[in-house]
Amino acid sequence: MVPVPVPLEEAEVRLRRALVLLALFVLGCAVVAAGAALGLGAVWQDVHEWVFSRVTGDQLGG
């Protein structure tokens, strides 16, 4: 006996589409958050080096 594909009802199609869009939104947010974290980390490292050089008295910054 061969299973016959049954068409999805309209509500199931809308639910599946909504879940796919939600998953893409969450994935996009995660990518943006990771990029922002990397950018802020790089800026923080530069600021920390600059401030640390001023606090320790090394005015050359490196």
C-alpha atoms as a PDB file:
ATOM      1  CA  MET A   1       0.000   0.000   0.000  1.00  0.00           C
ATOM      2  CA  VAL A   2       1.478   3.345  -1.133  1.00  0.00           C
ATOM      3  CA  PRO A   3       0.812   6.377   1.088  1.00  0.00           C
ATOM      4  CA  VAL A   4      -1.006   9.147  -0.710  1.00  0.00           C
ATOM      5  CA  PRO A   5       0.202  12.684   0.066  1.00  0.00           C
ATOM      6  CA  VAL A   6      -2.510  14.733   1.717  1.00  0.00           C
ATOM      7  CA  PRO A   7      -2.518  18.470   1.023  1.00  0.00           C
ATOM      8  CA  LEU A   8      -1.932  20.628   4.067  1.00  0.00           C
ATOM      9  CA  GLU A   9      -4.785  22.726   5.265  1.00  0.00           C
ATOM     10  CA  GLU A  10      -4.527  26.500   5.006  1.00  0.00           C
ATOM     11  CA  ALA A  11      -3.957  26.905   8.757  1.00  0.00           C
ATOM     12  CA  GLU A  12      -1.088  24.407   8.746  1.00  0.00           C
ATOM     13  CA  VAL A  13       0.547  26.195   5.810  1.00  0.00           C
ATOM     14  CA  ARG A  14       0.282  29.552   7.593  1.00  0.00           C
ATOM     15  CA  LEU A  15       1.626  28.064  10.825  1.00  0.00           C
ATOM     16  CA  ARG A  16       4.598  26.505   9.044  1.00  0.00           C
ATOM     17  CA  ARG A  17       5.357  29.784   7.249  1.00  0.00           C
ATOM     18  CA  ALA A  18       5.117  31.729  10.508  1.00  0.00           C
ATOM     19  CA  LEU A  19       7.503  29.314  12.234  1.00  0.00           C
ATOM     20  CA  VAL A  20      10.007  29.542   9.369  1.00  0.00           C
ATOM     21  CA  LEU A  21       9.876  33.342   9.461  1.00  0.00           C
ATOM     22  CA  LEU A  22      10.310  33.305  13.248  1.00  0.00           C
ATOM     23  CA  ALA A  23      13.324  30.995  12.951  1.00  0.00           C
ATOM     24  CA  LEU A  24      14.882  33.272  10.313  1.00  0.00           C
ATOM     25  CA  PHE A  25      14.250  36.323  12.496  1.00  0.00           C
ATOM     26  CA  VAL A  26      15.886  34.714  15.537  1.00  0.00           C
ATOM     27  CA  LEU A  27      18.840  33.552  13.442  1.00  0.00           C
ATOM     28  CA  GLY A  28      19.235  37.045  12.009  1.00  0.00           C
ATOM     29  CA  CYS A  29      19.160  38.565  15.483  1.00  0.00           C
ATOM     30  CA  ALA A  30      21.835  36.122  16.621  1.00  0.00           C
ATOM     31  CA  VAL A  31      24.066  37.044  13.678  1.00  0.00           C
ATOM     32  CA  VAL A  32      23.647  40.776  14.343  1.00  0.00           C
ATOM     33  CA  ALA A  33      24.326  40.276  18.063  1.00  0.00           C
ATOM     34  CA  ALA A  34      27.493  38.304  17.318  1.00  0.00           C
ATOM     35  CA  GLY A  35      28.701  41.019  14.947  1.00  0.00           C
ATOM     36  CA  ALA A  36      27.973  43.731  17.488  1.00  0.00           C
ATOM     37  CA  ALA A  37      29.795  41.779  20.200  1.00  0.00           C
ATOM     38  CA  LEU A  38      32.869  41.370  18.005  1.00  0.00           C
ATOM     39  CA  GLY A  39      32.835  45.057  17.104  1.00  0.00           C
ATOM     40  CA  LEU A  40      32.418  46.193  20.683  1.00  0.00           C
ATOM     41  CA  GLY A  41      35.141  43.791  21.791  1.00  0.00           C
ATOM     42  CA  ALA A  42      37.586  45.276  19.307  1.00  0.00           C
ATOM     43  CA  VAL A  43      36.720  48.840  20.313  1.00  0.00           C
ATOM     44  CA  TRP A  44      36.952  47.970  24.004  1.00  0.00           C
ATOM     45  CA  GLN A  45      40.405  46.442  23.501  1.00  0.00           C
ATOM     46  CA  ASP A  46      41.663  49.631  21.815  1.00  0.00           C
ATOM     47  CA  VAL A  47      40.132  51.862  24.504  1.00  0.00           C
ATOM     48  CA  HIS A  48      41.559  49.673  27.273  1.00  0.00           C
ATOM     49  CA  GLU A  49      45.051  49.844  25.794  1.00  0.00           C
ATOM     50  CA  TRP A  50      44.815  53.624  25.428  1.00  0.00           C
ATOM     51  CA  VAL A  51      43.526  54.156  28.992  1.00  0.00           C
ATOM     52  CA  PHE A  52      46.007  51.685  30.484  1.00  0.00           C
ATOM     53  CA  SER A  53      48.906  53.479  28.820  1.00  0.00           C
ATOM     54  CA  ARG A  54      47.706  56.792  30.320  1.00  0.00           C
ATOM     55  CA  VAL A  55      47.263  55.320  33.812  1.00  0.00           C
ATOM     56  CA  THR A  56      50.681  53.662  33.864  1.00  0.00           C
ATOM     57  CA  GLY A  57      52.400  56.790  32.578  1.00  0.00           C
ATOM     58  CA  ASP A  58      53.440  55.401  29.183  1.00  0.00           C
ATOM     59  CA  GLN A  59      52.366  58.312  26.978  1.00  0.00           C
ATOM     60  CA  LEU A  60      53.476  56.574  23.772  1.00  0.00           C
ATOM     61  CA  GLY A  61      50.547  54.152  23.981  1.00  0.00           C
ATOM     62  CA  GLY A  62      52.361  50.995  23.129  1.00  0.00           C
END
